Amino acid sequence: MTMLLGQALATSPAVFGFVVSLILVFSTWDSNSVVKAAALLGAGISMGAGAIGPGLGIGYVAARASFSTAVNLRSRALINRTLLLGAAVAESTSIYAFIVAVLLMYFT
């Protein structure tokens, strides 16, 4: 159960990046300016760079939580709470990157 919880949490930054990439691929943009092209490129780079750290961090925490649960099964509830708290803190940076990407795509 801890492994599945950790995997679900670790994939969230990748899902944010996938959503941004789908928006970039399937949207039609009215202006042909260099500024808009730079903003769209910046949106992709910001989301990509903003998803690397949280993905690695949450994956590492999930791996350690799974190992700790295997070693001491009676502490599973405490380990899962710690996993959720650590993932919530790490997840916030990928949410910030997603917001920056959306702002660059639609408000430039």
N, C-alpha and C. Protein backbone atom coordinates (compact mmCIF):
# COMPACT_ATOMS: atom_id res chain seq x y z
N MET A 1 0.82 -1.19 0.00
CA MET A 1 0.00 0.00 0.00
C MET A 1 0.87 1.27 0.00
N THR A 2 1.95 1.24 0.77
CA THR A 2 2.84 2.39 0.84
C THR A 2 3.50 2.64 -0.52
N MET A 3 3.88 1.58 -1.20
CA MET A 3 4.50 1.71 -2.51
C MET A 3 3.52 2.33 -3.52
N LEU A 4 2.28 1.90 -3.52
CA LEU A 4 1.29 2.46 -4.44
C LEU A 4 1.01 3.92 -4.14
N LEU A 5 0.96 4.27 -2.87
CA LEU A 5 0.76 5.66 -2.47
C LEU A 5 1.93 6.52 -2.93
N GLY A 6 3.14 6.03 -2.74
CA GLY A 6 4.32 6.77 -3.18
C GLY A 6 4.39 6.92 -4.69
N GLN A 7 4.02 5.89 -5.42
CA GLN A 7 4.02 5.98 -6.88
C GLN A 7 2.99 6.97 -7.37
N ALA A 8 1.83 6.98 -6.76
CA ALA A 8 0.79 7.93 -7.16
C ALA A 8 1.23 9.36 -6.90
N LEU A 9 1.90 9.59 -5.79
CA LEU A 9 2.37 10.94 -5.48
C LEU A 9 3.52 11.37 -6.38
N ALA A 10 4.39 10.44 -6.73
CA ALA A 10 5.56 10.78 -7.54
C ALA A 10 5.21 11.07 -9.00
N THR A 11 4.07 10.61 -9.46
CA THR A 11 3.71 10.84 -10.85
C THR A 11 3.01 12.19 -11.08
N SER A 12 2.63 12.88 -10.02
CA SER A 12 1.92 14.15 -10.18
C SER A 12 2.70 15.20 -10.96
N PRO A 13 4.00 15.41 -10.69
CA PRO A 13 4.74 16.38 -11.51
C PRO A 13 4.78 16.00 -12.99
N ALA A 14 4.86 14.71 -13.28
CA ALA A 14 4.86 14.27 -14.67
C ALA A 14 3.51 14.55 -15.33
N VAL A 15 2.44 14.39 -14.59
CA VAL A 15 1.11 14.69 -15.12
C VAL A 15 0.97 16.18 -15.43
N PHE A 16 1.49 17.04 -14.55
CA PHE A 16 1.47 18.48 -14.81
C PHE A 16 2.24 18.80 -16.10
N GLY A 17 3.40 18.20 -16.26
CA GLY A 17 4.19 18.41 -17.48
C GLY A 17 3.46 17.90 -18.71
N PHE A 18 2.77 16.78 -18.59
CA PHE A 18 2.01 16.24 -19.71
C PHE A 18 0.87 17.15 -20.11
N VAL A 19 0.19 17.73 -19.12
CA VAL A 19 -0.90 18.66 -19.42
C VAL A 19 -0.38 19.89 -20.14
N VAL A 20 0.74 20.44 -19.68
CA VAL A 20 1.32 21.61 -20.34
C VAL A 20 1.75 21.26 -21.76
N SER A 21 2.34 20.10 -21.96
CA SER A 21 2.76 19.72 -23.31
C SER A 21 1.57 19.52 -24.23
N LEU A 22 0.47 18.96 -23.73
CA LEU A 22 -0.72 18.81 -24.56
C LEU A 22 -1.32 20.15 -24.94
N ILE A 23 -1.32 21.08 -24.00
CA ILE A 23 -1.82 22.42 -24.31
C ILE A 23 -0.96 23.08 -25.37
N LEU A 24 0.36 22.93 -25.25
CA LEU A 24 1.27 23.54 -26.23
C LEU A 24 1.12 22.91 -27.61
N VAL A 25 0.92 21.63 -27.66
CA VAL A 25 0.83 20.94 -28.96
C VAL A 25 -0.49 21.20 -29.66
N PHE A 26 -1.59 21.16 -28.95
CA PHE A 26 -2.90 21.21 -29.59
C PHE A 26 -3.57 22.58 -29.61
N SER A 27 -2.92 23.60 -29.07
CA SER A 27 -3.52 24.93 -29.09
C SER A 27 -3.05 25.70 -30.32
N THR A 28 -3.93 26.55 -30.80
CA THR A 28 -3.56 27.45 -31.88
C THR A 28 -3.42 28.84 -31.28
N TRP A 29 -2.34 29.51 -31.62
CA TRP A 29 -2.05 30.81 -31.06
C TRP A 29 -2.23 31.86 -32.15
N ASP A 30 -2.86 32.96 -31.82
CA ASP A 30 -3.20 33.98 -32.80
C ASP A 30 -2.00 34.79 -33.27
N SER A 31 -1.14 35.15 -32.38
CA SER A 31 -0.03 36.03 -32.75
C SER A 31 1.17 35.22 -33.23
N ASN A 32 1.93 35.83 -34.12
CA ASN A 32 3.14 35.22 -34.64
C ASN A 32 4.37 35.99 -34.17
N SER A 33 4.35 36.50 -32.97
CA SER A 33 5.43 37.33 -32.49
C SER A 33 6.52 36.50 -31.83
N VAL A 34 7.69 37.09 -31.78
CA VAL A 34 8.82 36.44 -31.14
C VAL A 34 8.60 36.38 -29.63
N VAL A 35 7.93 37.38 -29.09
CA VAL A 35 7.66 37.41 -27.64
C VAL A 35 6.76 36.24 -27.25
N LYS A 36 5.74 35.97 -28.03
CA LYS A 36 4.83 34.85 -27.73
C LYS A 36 5.57 33.52 -27.86
N ALA A 37 6.42 33.40 -28.88
CA ALA A 37 7.18 32.16 -29.04
C ALA A 37 8.14 31.95 -27.87
N ALA A 38 8.77 33.02 -27.40
CA ALA A 38 9.66 32.91 -26.25
C ALA A 38 8.88 32.56 -24.99
N ALA A 39 7.68 33.11 -24.85
CA ALA A 39 6.85 32.79 -23.68
C ALA A 39 6.43 31.33 -23.70
N LEU A 40 6.08 30.80 -24.87
CA LEU A 40 5.69 29.39 -24.95
C LEU A 40 6.87 28.48 -24.69
N LEU A 41 8.04 28.84 -25.19
CA LEU A 41 9.24 28.07 -24.90
C LEU A 41 9.56 28.11 -23.41
N GLY A 42 9.42 29.29 -22.81
CA GLY A 42 9.63 29.43 -21.37
C GLY A 42 8.65 28.62 -20.56
N ALA A 43 7.41 28.52 -21.05
CA ALA A 43 6.40 27.71 -20.34
C ALA A 43 6.82 26.24 -20.31
N GLY A 44 7.27 25.75 -21.45
CA GLY A 44 7.71 24.35 -21.50
C GLY A 44 8.93 24.10 -20.64
N ILE A 45 9.89 25.01 -20.69
CA ILE A 45 11.11 24.84 -19.90
C ILE A 45 10.81 24.96 -18.41
N SER A 46 9.97 25.92 -18.03
CA SER A 46 9.68 26.08 -16.60
C SER A 46 8.96 24.87 -16.04
N MET A 47 8.04 24.30 -16.80
CA MET A 47 7.34 23.12 -16.28
C MET A 47 8.26 21.92 -16.26
N GLY A 48 9.08 21.76 -17.28
CA GLY A 48 10.01 20.63 -17.29
C GLY A 48 11.01 20.70 -16.16
N ALA A 49 11.59 21.87 -15.98
CA ALA A 49 12.57 22.03 -14.91
C ALA A 49 11.91 21.98 -13.53
N GLY A 50 10.69 22.47 -13.45
CA GLY A 50 9.99 22.47 -12.17
C GLY A 50 9.46 21.11 -11.76
N ALA A 51 9.45 20.14 -12.67
CA ALA A 51 8.96 18.81 -12.34
C ALA A 51 10.07 17.83 -12.00
N ILE A 52 11.30 18.16 -12.35
CA ILE A 52 12.41 17.23 -12.12
C ILE A 52 12.67 17.04 -10.63
N GLY A 53 12.84 18.13 -9.91
CA GLY A 53 13.15 18.05 -8.48
C GLY A 53 12.09 17.36 -7.66
N PRO A 54 10.83 17.80 -7.77
CA PRO A 54 9.79 17.12 -6.98
C PRO A 54 9.62 15.65 -7.36
N GLY A 55 9.75 15.33 -8.63
CA GLY A 55 9.63 13.93 -9.03
C GLY A 55 10.70 13.06 -8.40
N LEU A 56 11.94 13.54 -8.43
CA LEU A 56 13.04 12.79 -7.81
C LEU A 56 12.90 12.74 -6.29
N GLY A 57 12.54 13.88 -5.70
CA GLY A 57 12.42 13.93 -4.24
C GLY A 57 11.31 13.04 -3.70
N ILE A 58 10.17 13.11 -4.32
CA ILE A 58 9.04 12.29 -3.86
C ILE A 58 9.32 10.81 -4.12
N GLY A 59 9.98 10.52 -5.24
CA GLY A 59 10.35 9.13 -5.52
C GLY A 59 11.30 8.57 -4.48
N TYR A 60 12.27 9.39 -4.06
CA TYR A 60 13.22 8.95 -3.03
C TYR A 60 12.52 8.72 -1.69
N VAL A 61 11.66 9.65 -1.32
CA VAL A 61 10.93 9.51 -0.06
C VAL A 61 10.02 8.28 -0.10
N ALA A 62 9.39 8.04 -1.24
CA ALA A 62 8.52 6.87 -1.36
C ALA A 62 9.32 5.58 -1.27
N ALA A 63 10.51 5.56 -1.84
CA ALA A 63 11.35 4.37 -1.76
C ALA A 63 11.77 4.09 -0.31
N ARG A 64 12.15 5.14 0.39
CA ARG A 64 12.56 4.96 1.79
C ARG A 64 11.36 4.57 2.66
N ALA A 65 10.19 5.11 2.37
CA ALA A 65 9.00 4.74 3.14
C ALA A 65 8.63 3.28 2.89
N SER A 66 8.75 2.83 1.66
CA SER A 66 8.46 1.42 1.36
C SER A 66 9.44 0.50 2.08
N PHE A 67 10.71 0.88 2.07
CA PHE A 67 11.72 0.09 2.78
C PHE A 67 11.44 0.07 4.28
N SER A 68 11.11 1.23 4.84
CA SER A 68 10.85 1.31 6.27
C SER A 68 9.61 0.50 6.67
N THR A 69 8.61 0.49 5.81
CA THR A 69 7.41 -0.30 6.08
C THR A 69 7.74 -1.79 6.04
N ALA A 70 8.62 -2.18 5.12
CA ALA A 70 9.00 -3.59 5.05
C ALA A 70 9.79 -4.01 6.28
N VAL A 71 10.59 -3.11 6.82
CA VAL A 71 11.39 -3.43 8.00
C VAL A 71 10.52 -3.46 9.26
N ASN A 72 9.62 -2.49 9.39
CA ASN A 72 8.81 -2.38 10.61
C ASN A 72 7.35 -2.16 10.21
N LEU A 73 6.63 -3.22 10.05
CA LEU A 73 5.24 -3.15 9.58
C LEU A 73 4.32 -2.47 10.58
N ARG A 74 4.62 -2.54 11.85
CA ARG A 74 3.75 -1.93 12.86
C ARG A 74 3.75 -0.40 12.78
N SER A 75 4.76 0.20 12.20
CA SER A 75 4.85 1.66 12.08
C SER A 75 4.31 2.17 10.75
N ARG A 76 3.55 1.35 10.06
CA ARG A 76 3.07 1.71 8.73
C ARG A 76 2.24 2.99 8.71
N ALA A 77 1.37 3.18 9.67
CA ALA A 77 0.51 4.37 9.68
C ALA A 77 1.34 5.64 9.86
N LEU A 78 2.31 5.60 10.76
CA LEU A 78 3.18 6.75 10.97
C LEU A 78 4.05 7.03 9.74
N ILE A 79 4.54 5.98 9.11
CA ILE A 79 5.37 6.14 7.91
C ILE A 79 4.54 6.72 6.78
N ASN A 80 3.31 6.27 6.61
CA ASN A 80 2.45 6.80 5.54
C ASN A 80 2.11 8.27 5.77
N ARG A 81 1.87 8.64 7.03
CA ARG A 81 1.62 10.06 7.33
C ARG A 81 2.83 10.91 7.01
N THR A 82 4.01 10.41 7.36
CA THR A 82 5.23 11.14 7.07
C THR A 82 5.46 11.24 5.56
N LEU A 83 5.17 10.18 4.84
CA LEU A 83 5.27 10.19 3.38
C LEU A 83 4.34 11.24 2.78
N LEU A 84 3.12 11.29 3.24
CA LEU A 84 2.16 12.26 2.71
C LEU A 84 2.57 13.69 3.02
N LEU A 85 3.07 13.94 4.21
CA LEU A 85 3.52 15.27 4.57
C LEU A 85 4.73 15.70 3.74
N GLY A 86 5.70 14.82 3.61
CA GLY A 86 6.88 15.14 2.81
C GLY A 86 6.55 15.34 1.34
N ALA A 87 5.65 14.54 0.82
CA ALA A 87 5.26 14.68 -0.57
C ALA A 87 4.47 15.97 -0.80
N ALA A 88 3.66 16.36 0.16
CA ALA A 88 2.89 17.60 0.02
C ALA A 88 3.81 18.80 -0.02
N VAL A 89 4.85 18.80 0.79
CA VAL A 89 5.81 19.90 0.77
C VAL A 89 6.58 19.93 -0.55
N ALA A 90 7.02 18.78 -1.00
CA ALA A 90 7.79 18.72 -2.26
C ALA A 90 6.91 18.99 -3.48
N GLU A 91 5.65 18.63 -3.40
CA GLU A 91 4.73 18.80 -4.52
C GLU A 91 4.45 20.27 -4.82
N SER A 92 4.57 21.11 -3.82
CA SER A 92 4.21 22.52 -4.01
C SER A 92 5.06 23.19 -5.08
N THR A 93 6.31 22.81 -5.22
CA THR A 93 7.15 23.46 -6.23
C THR A 93 6.72 23.08 -7.65
N SER A 94 6.24 21.88 -7.86
CA SER A 94 5.75 21.53 -9.19
C SER A 94 4.42 22.24 -9.49
N ILE A 95 3.63 22.49 -8.46
CA ILE A 95 2.39 23.27 -8.66
C ILE A 95 2.73 24.70 -9.03
N TYR A 96 3.77 25.27 -8.38
CA TYR A 96 4.21 26.62 -8.73
C TYR A 96 4.68 26.67 -10.18
N ALA A 97 5.44 25.67 -10.61
CA ALA A 97 5.91 25.63 -12.00
C ALA A 97 4.75 25.52 -12.97
N PHE A 98 3.73 24.75 -12.61
CA PHE A 98 2.55 24.61 -13.46
C PHE A 98 1.83 25.95 -13.59
N ILE A 99 1.70 26.67 -12.49
CA ILE A 99 1.04 27.98 -12.54
C ILE A 99 1.83 28.96 -13.40
N VAL A 100 3.16 28.96 -13.26
CA VAL A 100 3.99 29.83 -14.09
C VAL A 100 3.85 29.48 -15.57
N ALA A 101 3.81 28.19 -15.90
CA ALA A 101 3.65 27.78 -17.28
C ALA A 101 2.30 28.21 -17.85
N VAL A 102 1.26 28.07 -17.08
CA VAL A 102 -0.07 28.49 -17.55
C VAL A 102 -0.12 30.01 -17.74
N LEU A 103 0.47 30.74 -16.81
CA LEU A 103 0.50 32.19 -16.96
C LEU A 103 1.30 32.62 -18.18
N LEU A 104 2.40 31.95 -18.45
CA LEU A 104 3.17 32.29 -19.65
C LEU A 104 2.43 31.94 -20.93
N MET A 105 1.67 30.86 -20.91
CA MET A 105 0.97 30.46 -22.13
C MET A 105 -0.21 31.38 -22.44
N TYR A 106 -0.92 31.81 -21.45
CA TYR A 106 -2.17 32.52 -21.72
C TYR A 106 -2.17 34.02 -21.45
N PHE A 107 -1.20 34.53 -20.73
CA PHE A 107 -1.24 35.94 -20.38
C PHE A 107 -0.04 36.71 -20.88
N THR A 108 0.54 36.32 -22.01
CA THR A 108 1.61 37.09 -22.62
C THR A 108 1.20 37.52 -24.01
